[in-house]
Amino acid sequence: ATIAARKSITRRSTVRRGAVWAAW
């Protein structure tokens, strides 16, 4: 279920995960 949620979150995203992680 978590992997499925991750895919859904990716589809909704406009900013790369790495960019958010690095920024904060």
PDB file of all heavy atoms in Angstrom:
ATOM      1  N   ALA A   1       0.833  -1.205   0.000  1.00  0.00           N
ATOM      2  CA  ALA A   1       0.000   0.000   0.000  1.00  0.00           C
ATOM      3  C   ALA A   1       0.867   1.254   0.000  1.00  0.00           C
ATOM      4  O   ALA A   1       0.516   2.266  -0.631  1.00  0.00           O
ATOM      5  CB  ALA A   1      -0.923   0.004   1.219  1.00  0.00           C
ATOM      6  N   THR A   2       2.007   1.199   0.676  1.00  0.00           N
ATOM      7  CA  THR A   2       2.893   2.362   0.743  1.00  0.00           C
ATOM      8  C   THR A   2       3.530   2.644  -0.611  1.00  0.00           C
ATOM      9  O   THR A   2       3.648   3.811  -1.033  1.00  0.00           O
ATOM     10  CB  THR A   2       3.978   2.138   1.805  1.00  0.00           C
ATOM     11  OG1 THR A   2       3.348   1.901   3.078  1.00  0.00           O
ATOM     12  CG2 THR A   2       4.892   3.346   1.922  1.00  0.00           C
ATOM     13  N   ILE A   3       3.934   1.602  -1.309  1.00  0.00           N
ATOM     14  CA  ILE A   3       4.510   1.784  -2.642  1.00  0.00           C
ATOM     15  C   ILE A   3       3.470   2.340  -3.597  1.00  0.00           C
ATOM     16  O   ILE A   3       3.756   3.225  -4.427  1.00  0.00           O
ATOM     17  CB  ILE A   3       5.086   0.449  -3.158  1.00  0.00           C
ATOM     18  CG1 ILE A   3       6.321   0.058  -2.321  1.00  0.00           C
ATOM     19  CG2 ILE A   3       5.468   0.550  -4.629  1.00  0.00           C
ATOM     20  CD1 ILE A   3       6.831  -1.334  -2.595  1.00  0.00           C
ATOM     21  N   ALA A   4       2.231   1.851  -3.489  1.00  0.00           N
ATOM     22  CA  ALA A   4       1.149   2.389  -4.326  1.00  0.00           C
ATOM     23  C   ALA A   4       0.918   3.864  -4.023  1.00  0.00           C
ATOM     24  O   ALA A   4       0.710   4.680  -4.931  1.00  0.00           O
ATOM     25  CB  ALA A   4      -0.130   1.583  -4.106  1.00  0.00           C
ATOM     26  N   ALA A   5       0.960   4.226  -2.739  1.00  0.00           N
ATOM     27  CA  ALA A   5       0.788   5.629  -2.358  1.00  0.00           C
ATOM     28  C   ALA A   5       1.937   6.469  -2.899  1.00  0.00           C
ATOM     29  O   ALA A   5       1.730   7.600  -3.348  1.00  0.00           O
ATOM     30  CB  ALA A   5       0.710   5.748  -0.838  1.00  0.00           C
ATOM     31  N   ARG A   6       3.152   5.939  -2.861  1.00  0.00           N
ATOM     32  CA  ARG A   6       4.304   6.672  -3.378  1.00  0.00           C
ATOM     33  C   ARG A   6       4.126   6.981  -4.861  1.00  0.00           C
ATOM     34  O   ARG A   6       4.421   8.089  -5.331  1.00  0.00           O
ATOM     35  CB  ARG A   6       5.582   5.854  -3.144  1.00  0.00           C
ATOM     36  CG  ARG A   6       6.855   6.556  -3.624  1.00  0.00           C
ATOM     37  CD  ARG A   6       8.090   5.699  -3.388  1.00  0.00           C
ATOM     38  NE  ARG A   6       9.280   6.372  -3.886  1.00  0.00           N
ATOM     39  CZ  ARG A   6      10.039   7.194  -3.175  1.00  0.00           C
ATOM     40  NH1 ARG A   6       9.722   7.448  -1.918  1.00  0.00           N
ATOM     41  NH2 ARG A   6      11.098   7.782  -3.700  1.00  0.00           N
ATOM     42  N   LYS A   7       3.653   6.014  -5.628  1.00  0.00           N
ATOM     43  CA  LYS A   7       3.425   6.230  -7.056  1.00  0.00           C
ATOM     44  C   LYS A   7       2.369   7.307  -7.282  1.00  0.00           C
ATOM     45  O   LYS A   7       2.509   8.152  -8.179  1.00  0.00           O
ATOM     46  CB  LYS A   7       3.015   4.922  -7.724  1.00  0.00           C
ATOM     47  CG  LYS A   7       4.121   3.872  -7.777  1.00  0.00           C
ATOM     48  CD  LYS A   7       3.631   2.582  -8.423  1.00  0.00           C
ATOM     49  CE  LYS A   7       4.738   1.545  -8.492  1.00  0.00           C
ATOM     50  NZ  LYS A   7       4.265   0.264  -9.063  1.00  0.00           N
ATOM     51  N   SER A   8       1.321   7.283  -6.466  1.00  0.00           N
ATOM     52  CA  SER A   8       0.274   8.291  -6.581  1.00  0.00           C
ATOM     53  C   SER A   8       0.804   9.674  -6.241  1.00  0.00           C
ATOM     54  O   SER A   8       0.489  10.661  -6.913  1.00  0.00           O
ATOM     55  CB  SER A   8      -0.894   7.935  -5.652  1.00  0.00           C
ATOM     56  OG  SER A   8      -1.909   8.910  -5.701  1.00  0.00           O
ATOM     57  N   ILE A   9       1.636   9.758  -5.205  1.00  0.00           N
ATOM     58  CA  ILE A   9       2.248  11.034  -4.826  1.00  0.00           C
ATOM     59  C   ILE A   9       3.143  11.543  -5.950  1.00  0.00           C
ATOM     60  O   ILE A   9       3.162  12.741  -6.262  1.00  0.00           O
ATOM     61  CB  ILE A   9       3.035  10.878  -3.512  1.00  0.00           C
ATOM     62  CG1 ILE A   9       2.070  10.607  -2.351  1.00  0.00           C
ATOM     63  CG2 ILE A   9       3.886  12.115  -3.223  1.00  0.00           C
ATOM     64  CD1 ILE A   9       2.738  10.123  -1.078  1.00  0.00           C
ATOM     65  N   THR A  10       3.880  10.646  -6.579  1.00  0.00           N
ATOM     66  CA  THR A  10       4.754  11.035  -7.688  1.00  0.00           C
ATOM     67  C   THR A  10       3.951  11.639  -8.833  1.00  0.00           C
ATOM     68  O   THR A  10       4.349  12.648  -9.433  1.00  0.00           O
ATOM     69  CB  THR A  10       5.552   9.817  -8.196  1.00  0.00           C
ATOM     70  OG1 THR A  10       6.377   9.323  -7.127  1.00  0.00           O
ATOM     71  CG2 THR A  10       6.436  10.196  -9.375  1.00  0.00           C
ATOM     72  N   ARG A  11       2.815  11.046  -9.134  1.00  0.00           N
ATOM     73  CA  ARG A  11       1.977  11.560 -10.228  1.00  0.00           C
ATOM     74  C   ARG A  11       1.467  12.966  -9.929  1.00  0.00           C
ATOM     75  O   ARG A  11       1.272  13.764 -10.853  1.00  0.00           O
ATOM     76  CB  ARG A  11       0.796  10.617 -10.472  1.00  0.00           C
ATOM     77  CG  ARG A  11       1.177   9.292 -11.129  1.00  0.00           C
ATOM     78  CD  ARG A  11      -0.053   8.562 -11.641  1.00  0.00           C
ATOM     79  NE  ARG A  11      -0.944   8.173 -10.562  1.00  0.00           N
ATOM     80  CZ  ARG A  11      -0.875   7.004  -9.916  1.00  0.00           C
ATOM     81  NH1 ARG A  11       0.070   6.120 -10.249  1.00  0.00           N
ATOM     82  NH2 ARG A  11      -1.722   6.703  -8.950  1.00  0.00           N
ATOM     83  N   ARG A  12       1.270  13.276  -8.661  1.00  0.00           N
ATOM     84  CA  ARG A  12       0.746  14.592  -8.284  1.00  0.00           C
ATOM     85  C   ARG A  12       1.850  15.640  -8.128  1.00  0.00           C
ATOM     86  O   ARG A  12       1.561  16.815  -7.986  1.00  0.00           O
ATOM     87  CB  ARG A  12      -0.019  14.488  -6.961  1.00  0.00           C
ATOM     88  CG  ARG A  12      -1.284  13.634  -7.003  1.00  0.00           C
ATOM     89  CD  ARG A  12      -2.005  13.749  -5.674  1.00  0.00           C
ATOM     90  NE  ARG A  12      -3.260  13.026  -5.663  1.00  0.00           N
ATOM     91  CZ  ARG A  12      -3.439  11.852  -5.055  1.00  0.00           C
ATOM     92  NH1 ARG A  12      -2.429  11.279  -4.424  1.00  0.00           N
ATOM     93  NH2 ARG A  12      -4.612  11.260  -5.077  1.00  0.00           N
ATOM     94  N   SER A  13       3.094  15.209  -8.128  1.00  0.00           N
ATOM     95  CA  SER A  13       4.206  16.103  -7.793  1.00  0.00           C
ATOM     96  C   SER A  13       4.648  16.950  -8.978  1.00  0.00           C
ATOM     97  O   SER A  13       4.613  16.507 -10.129  1.00  0.00           O
ATOM     98  CB  SER A  13       5.394  15.285  -7.277  1.00  0.00           C
ATOM     99  OG  SER A  13       5.062  14.608  -6.080  1.00  0.00           O
ATOM    100  N   THR A  14       5.085  18.155  -8.668  1.00  0.00           N
ATOM    101  CA  THR A  14       5.674  19.047  -9.672  1.00  0.00           C
ATOM    102  C   THR A  14       7.114  19.402  -9.317  1.00  0.00           C
ATOM    103  O   THR A  14       7.798  20.053 -10.099  1.00  0.00           O
ATOM    104  CB  THR A  14       4.850  20.344  -9.799  1.00  0.00           C
ATOM    105  OG1 THR A  14       4.855  21.028  -8.532  1.00  0.00           O
ATOM    106  CG2 THR A  14       3.413  20.046 -10.211  1.00  0.00           C
ATOM    107  N   VAL A  15       7.547  18.994  -8.118  1.00  0.00           N
ATOM    108  CA  VAL A  15       8.904  19.256  -7.644  1.00  0.00           C
ATOM    109  C   VAL A  15       9.572  17.917  -7.354  1.00  0.00           C
ATOM    110  O   VAL A  15       8.948  17.011  -6.788  1.00  0.00           O
ATOM    111  CB  VAL A  15       8.901  20.126  -6.369  1.00  0.00           C
ATOM    112  CG1 VAL A  15      10.318  20.426  -5.913  1.00  0.00           C
ATOM    113  CG2 VAL A  15       8.120  21.411  -6.597  1.00  0.00           C
ATOM    114  N   ARG A  16      10.840  17.774  -7.748  1.00  0.00           N
ATOM    115  CA  ARG A  16      11.550  16.521  -7.517  1.00  0.00           C
ATOM    116  C   ARG A  16      11.743  16.274  -6.015  1.00  0.00           C
ATOM    117  O   ARG A  16      11.983  17.204  -5.240  1.00  0.00           O
ATOM    118  CB  ARG A  16      12.910  16.545  -8.205  1.00  0.00           C
ATOM    119  CG  ARG A  16      12.859  16.513  -9.724  1.00  0.00           C
ATOM    120  CD  ARG A  16      14.263  16.425 -10.309  1.00  0.00           C
ATOM    121  NE  ARG A  16      15.110  17.544  -9.893  1.00  0.00           N
ATOM    122  CZ  ARG A  16      16.083  17.437  -8.996  1.00  0.00           C
ATOM    123  NH1 ARG A  16      16.345  16.252  -8.413  1.00  0.00           N
ATOM    124  NH2 ARG A  16      16.810  18.495  -8.680  1.00  0.00           N
ATOM    125  N   ARG A  17      11.645  15.004  -5.635  1.00  0.00           N
ATOM    126  CA  ARG A  17      11.836  14.638  -4.231  1.00  0.00           C
ATOM    127  C   ARG A  17      13.215  15.088  -3.736  1.00  0.00           C
ATOM    128  O   ARG A  17      13.361  15.578  -2.620  1.00  0.00           O
ATOM    129  CB  ARG A  17      11.690  13.133  -4.055  1.00  0.00           C
ATOM    130  CG  ARG A  17      10.317  12.586  -4.364  1.00  0.00           C
ATOM    131  CD  ARG A  17      10.314  11.063  -4.332  1.00  0.00           C
ATOM    132  NE  ARG A  17       9.082  10.530  -4.878  1.00  0.00           N
ATOM    133  CZ  ARG A  17       7.971  10.296  -4.186  1.00  0.00           C
ATOM    134  NH1 ARG A  17       7.964  10.557  -2.894  1.00  0.00           N
ATOM    135  NH2 ARG A  17       6.888   9.808  -4.763  1.00  0.00           N
ATOM    136  N   GLY A  18      14.226  14.890  -4.582  1.00  0.00           N
ATOM    137  CA  GLY A  18      15.575  15.268  -4.192  1.00  0.00           C
ATOM    138  C   GLY A  18      15.721  16.750  -3.942  1.00  0.00           C
ATOM    139  O   GLY A  18      16.471  17.177  -3.059  1.00  0.00           O
ATOM    140  N   ALA A  19      15.005  17.557  -4.713  1.00  0.00           N
ATOM    141  CA  ALA A  19      15.084  19.003  -4.536  1.00  0.00           C
ATOM    142  C   ALA A  19      14.458  19.429  -3.211  1.00  0.00           C
ATOM    143  O   ALA A  19      15.005  20.298  -2.503  1.00  0.00           O
ATOM    144  CB  ALA A  19      14.389  19.701  -5.708  1.00  0.00           C
ATOM    145  N   VAL A  20      13.332  18.839  -2.853  1.00  0.00           N
ATOM    146  CA  VAL A  20      12.702  19.168  -1.573  1.00  0.00           C
ATOM    147  C   VAL A  20      13.593  18.713  -0.416  1.00  0.00           C
ATOM    148  O   VAL A  20      13.823  19.462   0.541  1.00  0.00           O
ATOM    149  CB  VAL A  20      11.312  18.497  -1.475  1.00  0.00           C
ATOM    150  CG1 VAL A  20      10.736  18.673  -0.072  1.00  0.00           C
ATOM    151  CG2 VAL A  20      10.362  19.078  -2.515  1.00  0.00           C
ATOM    152  N   TRP A  21      14.133  17.506  -0.540  1.00  0.00           N
ATOM    153  CA  TRP A  21      15.006  16.980   0.518  1.00  0.00           C
ATOM    154  C   TRP A  21      16.233  17.866   0.714  1.00  0.00           C
ATOM    155  O   TRP A  21      16.578  18.247   1.839  1.00  0.00           O
ATOM    156  CB  TRP A  21      15.416  15.556   0.163  1.00  0.00           C
ATOM    157  CG  TRP A  21      16.344  14.927   1.158  1.00  0.00           C
ATOM    158  CD1 TRP A  21      17.693  14.825   1.090  1.00  0.00           C
ATOM    159  CD2 TRP A  21      15.980  14.305   2.397  1.00  0.00           C
ATOM    160  NE1 TRP A  21      18.211  14.179   2.199  1.00  0.00           N
ATOM    161  CE2 TRP A  21      17.173  13.858   3.009  1.00  0.00           C
ATOM    162  CE3 TRP A  21      14.756  14.092   3.042  1.00  0.00           C
ATOM    163  CZ2 TRP A  21      17.163  13.188   4.241  1.00  0.00           C
ATOM    164  CZ3 TRP A  21      14.760  13.427   4.278  1.00  0.00           C
ATOM    165  CH2 TRP A  21      15.940  12.989   4.848  1.00  0.00           C
ATOM    166  N   ALA A  22      16.888  18.209  -0.379  1.00  0.00           N
ATOM    167  CA  ALA A  22      18.104  19.020  -0.289  1.00  0.00           C
ATOM    168  C   ALA A  22      17.820  20.402   0.278  1.00  0.00           C
ATOM    169  O   ALA A  22      18.609  20.957   1.057  1.00  0.00           O
ATOM    170  CB  ALA A  22      18.754  19.138  -1.672  1.00  0.00           C
ATOM    171  N   ALA A  23      16.692  20.971  -0.112  1.00  0.00           N
ATOM    172  CA  ALA A  23      16.369  22.329   0.327  1.00  0.00           C
ATOM    173  C   ALA A  23      16.121  22.412   1.827  1.00  0.00           C
ATOM    174  O   ALA A  23      16.456  23.414   2.479  1.00  0.00           O
ATOM    175  CB  ALA A  23      15.149  22.849  -0.438  1.00  0.00           C
ATOM    176  N   TRP A  24      15.545  21.365   2.417  1.00  0.00           N
ATOM    177  CA  TRP A  24      15.114  21.467   3.804  1.00  0.00           C
ATOM    178  C   TRP A  24      15.978  20.728   4.800  1.00  0.00           C
ATOM    179  O   TRP A  24      15.942  21.030   5.993  1.00  0.00           O
ATOM    180  CB  TRP A  24      13.648  21.034   3.920  1.00  0.00           C
ATOM    181  CG  TRP A  24      12.760  22.042   3.278  1.00  0.00           C
ATOM    182  CD1 TRP A  24      12.236  21.999   2.034  1.00  0.00           C
ATOM    183  CD2 TRP A  24      12.377  23.295   3.834  1.00  0.00           C
ATOM    184  NE1 TRP A  24      11.526  23.157   1.779  1.00  0.00           N
ATOM    185  CE2 TRP A  24      11.590  23.962   2.874  1.00  0.00           C
ATOM    186  CE3 TRP A  24      12.596  23.924   5.068  1.00  0.00           C
ATOM    187  CZ2 TRP A  24      11.032  25.218   3.112  1.00  0.00           C
ATOM    188  CZ3 TRP A  24      12.051  25.164   5.308  1.00  0.00           C
ATOM    189  CH2 TRP A  24      11.269  25.803   4.323  1.00  0.00           C
TER     190      TRP A  24
END
